[in-house]
Amino acid sequence: MGLLGSVGVVLGLAMLALKVWYQSTMGMCRSTRRSDGKVVIVTGSNTGIGKETARDLAKRGARVYLACRDLSRGQAAQREIIESTGSHQVEVLKLDLGSLASVREFVKQFLSKEKQLDILVNNAAATGLENKLSKDGLQQEMQINHFGPFLLTILLLDVLKKTGSSRIITVSSLAHKMGKIEFDNLNCEKSFPGGTKLYSNAKLANVLFANELARKLEGTGN
């Protein structure tokens, strides 16, 4: 084997080792920090990233509220999280981001139970929905992905600020790089973006909202 071939083998082995290392460590949180006494809301927490986020926070001692559209699926996730973490500080409240009335009712119920909120995780999202308006007159996919979480965050802002050192986490996506905000077409009045374009637009709206919220809350300790 010549020098060039040897170099190729070494590079190939190095790339393979890097791939194995990356796959074995990606997505792992090694922090052992506790969250005892913290109150957390995680939207869309009956499955996927939301459920694993809720599980991890419950494991760390936080009181976690699973904000789910489907109560039966939310309760199934609740039982699973309690069983796997040993924490019974896991509650389920109904939240349908496709309904502004549901968002307001969720906040009302939450505030009747809690006087603090340390972490709000806006995780719930949807894509591939048909082009139709919600009962609120908003394009349903944009409402679930952006307008609903926007309202939820604003309604909870007072308790978040009152709690102090609180955090608002909005889960976005690299898809936001392909998004474009068309203010004269927010409800798809003129055209309906095909494929994942609408989802990308919503994720871009999430990023813009998070950035502006961070600017407005700068210096408040939140």
Protein backbone atom coordinates (compact mmCIF):
# COMPACT_ATOMS: atom_id res chain seq x y z
CA MET A 1 0.00 0.00 0.00
CA GLY A 2 1.41 3.38 -0.98
CA LEU A 3 1.63 6.51 1.12
CA LEU A 4 -1.56 7.92 -0.35
CA GLY A 5 -3.45 4.72 0.47
CA SER A 6 -2.14 4.73 4.04
CA VAL A 7 -3.25 8.32 4.53
CA GLY A 8 -6.68 7.42 3.18
CA VAL A 9 -7.01 4.53 5.65
CA VAL A 10 -5.97 6.73 8.58
CA LEU A 11 -8.45 9.43 7.58
CA GLY A 12 -11.20 6.86 7.13
CA LEU A 13 -10.56 5.38 10.59
CA ALA A 14 -10.45 8.86 12.11
CA MET A 15 -13.78 9.77 10.53
CA LEU A 16 -15.32 6.48 11.70
CA ALA A 17 -14.08 7.08 15.25
CA LEU A 18 -15.49 10.63 15.17
CA LYS A 19 -18.85 9.34 13.95
CA VAL A 20 -19.02 6.70 16.70
CA TRP A 21 -18.07 9.28 19.35
CA TYR A 22 -20.64 11.76 18.06
CA GLN A 23 -23.47 9.23 17.98
CA SER A 24 -22.64 7.93 21.45
CA THR A 25 -22.58 11.39 23.05
CA MET A 26 -25.13 13.46 21.11
CA GLY A 27 -28.17 14.53 23.10
CA MET A 28 -26.64 13.61 26.45
CA CYS A 29 -26.89 16.05 29.35
CA ARG A 30 -24.20 15.36 31.91
CA SER A 31 -25.26 18.05 34.37
CA THR A 32 -26.23 16.78 37.85
CA ARG A 33 -27.82 20.05 38.92
CA ARG A 34 -31.04 19.66 40.91
CA SER A 35 -34.30 21.54 40.34
CA ASP A 36 -35.94 20.99 43.73
CA GLY A 37 -38.62 23.58 44.45
CA LYS A 38 -38.84 24.66 40.81
CA VAL A 39 -42.16 24.75 38.97
CA VAL A 40 -42.06 23.91 35.27
CA ILE A 41 -44.52 23.82 32.35
CA VAL A 42 -43.66 21.75 29.27
CA THR A 43 -46.07 21.96 26.34
CA GLY A 44 -46.56 18.97 24.07
CA SER A 45 -45.06 16.74 26.76
CA ASN A 46 -46.90 13.49 26.10
CA THR A 47 -44.35 12.41 23.49
CA GLY A 48 -40.93 13.06 21.95
CA ILE A 49 -38.67 15.89 23.09
CA GLY A 50 -41.36 17.30 25.37
CA LYS A 51 -41.81 14.08 27.31
CA GLU A 52 -38.07 13.53 27.71
CA THR A 53 -37.62 17.13 28.89
CA ALA A 54 -40.42 16.68 31.43
CA ARG A 55 -38.94 13.35 32.55
CA ASP A 56 -35.49 14.85 33.10
CA LEU A 57 -36.82 17.83 35.07
CA ALA A 58 -39.02 15.57 37.21
CA LYS A 59 -35.99 13.39 37.89
CA ARG A 60 -34.16 16.49 39.11
CA GLY A 61 -36.90 17.27 41.63
CA ALA A 62 -38.98 19.91 39.81
CA ARG A 63 -42.77 19.98 39.93
CA VAL A 64 -43.68 19.49 36.30
CA TYR A 65 -46.91 20.30 34.50
CA LEU A 66 -47.53 18.35 31.32
CA ALA A 67 -49.49 20.70 29.06
CA CYS A 68 -51.19 18.39 26.56
CA ARG A 69 -54.02 18.65 24.04
CA ASP A 70 -55.01 15.00 24.55
CA LEU A 71 -55.58 14.36 28.27
CA SER A 72 -55.58 10.57 27.95
CA ARG A 73 -52.17 10.60 26.24
CA GLY A 74 -50.96 13.15 28.75
CA GLN A 75 -52.04 10.94 31.65
CA ALA A 76 -50.29 7.96 30.06
CA ALA A 77 -47.09 10.02 29.85
CA GLN A 78 -47.61 11.14 33.45
CA ARG A 79 -47.79 7.52 34.67
CA GLU A 80 -44.70 6.59 32.66
CA ILE A 81 -42.68 9.54 33.98
CA ILE A 82 -43.69 8.87 37.59
CA GLU A 83 -42.75 5.20 37.23
CA SER A 84 -39.38 5.94 35.63
CA THR A 85 -38.35 8.80 37.95
CA GLY A 86 -40.04 7.95 41.23
CA SER A 87 -41.29 11.54 41.39
CA HIS A 88 -44.99 12.12 42.01
CA GLN A 89 -44.67 15.84 41.33
CA VAL A 90 -46.02 15.45 37.80
CA GLU A 91 -49.41 16.88 36.85
CA VAL A 92 -51.39 17.06 33.63
CA LEU A 93 -53.40 20.05 32.42
CA LYS A 94 -55.26 20.31 29.13
CA LEU A 95 -53.80 22.78 26.63
CA ASP A 96 -54.91 23.02 23.02
CA LEU A 97 -52.75 25.66 21.34
CA GLY A 98 -55.17 25.64 18.42
CA SER A 99 -57.72 27.35 20.66
CA LEU A 100 -57.07 30.71 22.31
CA ALA A 101 -59.88 29.94 24.78
CA SER A 102 -58.05 26.75 25.78
CA VAL A 103 -54.83 28.71 26.31
CA ARG A 104 -56.63 31.16 28.60
CA GLU A 105 -58.32 28.33 30.52
CA PHE A 106 -55.00 26.54 30.96
CA VAL A 107 -53.42 29.67 32.43
CA LYS A 108 -56.41 30.17 34.73
CA GLN A 109 -56.14 26.59 36.03
CA PHE A 110 -52.37 26.79 36.44
CA LEU A 111 -52.52 30.06 38.38
CA SER A 112 -55.19 28.60 40.67
CA LYS A 113 -52.64 25.94 41.65
CA GLU A 114 -49.31 27.79 41.60
CA LYS A 115 -47.91 31.14 42.68
CA GLN A 116 -44.61 30.69 40.87
CA LEU A 117 -43.30 29.53 37.51
CA ASP A 118 -39.58 29.00 37.11
CA ILE A 119 -39.42 27.49 33.63
CA LEU A 120 -41.79 27.59 30.65
CA VAL A 121 -40.84 25.26 27.81
CA ASN A 122 -42.75 26.05 24.61
CA ASN A 123 -42.16 22.73 22.88
CA ALA A 124 -45.46 21.71 21.25
CA ALA A 125 -45.60 21.99 17.45
CA ALA A 126 -47.39 20.59 14.44
CA THR A 127 -46.71 20.36 10.73
CA GLY A 128 -48.34 19.04 7.58
CA LEU A 129 -51.83 20.26 8.54
CA GLU A 130 -54.38 21.18 5.91
CA ASN A 131 -54.92 24.83 5.14
CA LYS A 132 -57.87 25.96 7.23
CA LEU A 133 -58.68 28.55 9.86
CA SER A 134 -59.20 27.81 13.53
CA LYS A 135 -62.28 28.97 15.44
CA ASP A 136 -60.23 32.06 16.27
CA GLY A 137 -59.90 32.89 12.58
CA LEU A 138 -56.18 32.08 12.49
CA GLN A 139 -54.42 29.71 10.12
CA GLN A 140 -54.35 26.58 12.27
CA GLU A 141 -50.72 25.54 11.79
CA MET A 142 -49.44 29.05 12.48
CA GLN A 143 -51.69 29.25 15.53
CA ILE A 144 -50.46 25.97 17.04
CA ASN A 145 -46.81 26.70 16.30
CA HIS A 146 -46.68 30.42 17.06
CA PHE A 147 -49.80 32.40 18.00
CA GLY A 148 -50.88 29.92 20.70
CA PRO A 149 -47.44 29.77 22.39
CA PHE A 150 -47.16 33.55 22.01
CA LEU A 151 -50.40 34.09 23.94
CA LEU A 152 -49.45 31.46 26.53
CA THR A 153 -46.12 33.18 27.19
CA ILE A 154 -47.64 36.66 27.45
CA LEU A 155 -50.35 35.47 29.88
CA LEU A 156 -47.72 33.79 32.08
CA LEU A 157 -45.24 36.65 31.92
CA ASP A 158 -46.35 38.26 35.19
CA VAL A 159 -45.88 35.10 37.26
CA LEU A 160 -42.58 34.40 35.51
CA LYS A 161 -41.31 37.90 36.37
CA LYS A 162 -42.66 37.64 39.92
CA THR A 163 -40.83 34.33 40.42
CA GLY A 164 -37.51 35.87 39.38
CA SER A 165 -34.58 34.15 37.67
CA SER A 166 -37.18 32.33 35.56
CA ARG A 167 -36.56 31.04 32.07
CA ILE A 168 -38.65 30.88 28.89
CA ILE A 169 -37.48 28.24 26.43
CA THR A 170 -38.94 28.20 22.95
CA VAL A 171 -38.00 25.12 20.96
CA SER A 172 -37.27 26.11 17.37
CA SER A 173 -35.61 24.35 14.45
CA LEU A 174 -33.00 24.87 11.77
CA ALA A 175 -36.06 25.09 9.53
CA HIS A 176 -36.33 28.74 10.58
CA LYS A 177 -33.46 29.49 8.18
CA MET A 178 -35.84 28.74 5.31
CA GLY A 179 -38.67 30.82 6.75
CA LYS A 180 -40.01 34.16 5.61
CA ILE A 181 -42.48 36.36 7.46
CA GLU A 182 -45.14 37.67 5.07
CA PHE A 183 -47.22 40.07 7.12
CA ASP A 184 -49.83 40.37 4.39
CA ASN A 185 -50.17 36.58 4.17
CA LEU A 186 -50.03 35.39 7.81
CA ASN A 187 -53.35 33.58 7.42
CA CYS A 188 -52.42 32.29 3.97
CA GLU A 189 -54.97 34.70 2.49
CA LYS A 190 -53.00 35.03 -0.73
CA SER A 191 -51.18 31.72 -1.00
CA PHE A 192 -50.56 28.53 0.96
CA PRO A 193 -46.87 27.56 1.21
CA GLY A 194 -46.31 23.96 0.16
CA GLY A 195 -44.23 21.31 1.89
CA THR A 196 -42.65 22.44 5.15
CA LYS A 197 -42.58 26.14 4.20
CA LEU A 198 -45.34 27.13 6.62
CA TYR A 199 -43.62 25.26 9.44
CA SER A 200 -40.38 27.11 8.61
CA ASN A 201 -42.24 30.42 8.73
CA ALA A 202 -43.64 29.56 12.17
CA LYS A 203 -40.22 28.55 13.48
CA LEU A 204 -38.78 31.84 12.23
CA ALA A 205 -41.59 33.64 14.07
CA ASN A 206 -40.61 31.70 17.22
CA VAL A 207 -37.00 32.88 16.92
CA LEU A 208 -37.98 36.51 16.32
CA PHE A 209 -40.35 36.42 19.30
CA ALA A 210 -37.71 34.87 21.57
CA ASN A 211 -35.15 37.49 20.55
CA GLU A 212 -37.54 40.40 21.11
CA LEU A 213 -38.69 38.97 24.45
CA ALA A 214 -35.07 38.65 25.57
CA ARG A 215 -34.51 42.29 24.62
CA LYS A 216 -37.57 43.49 26.55
CA LEU A 217 -36.66 41.43 29.63
CA GLU A 218 -33.02 42.45 29.63
CA GLY A 219 -31.95 43.58 33.10
CA THR A 220 -34.97 42.09 34.89
CA GLY A 221 -33.11 38.97 36.04
CA ASN A 222 -35.33 36.74 33.89
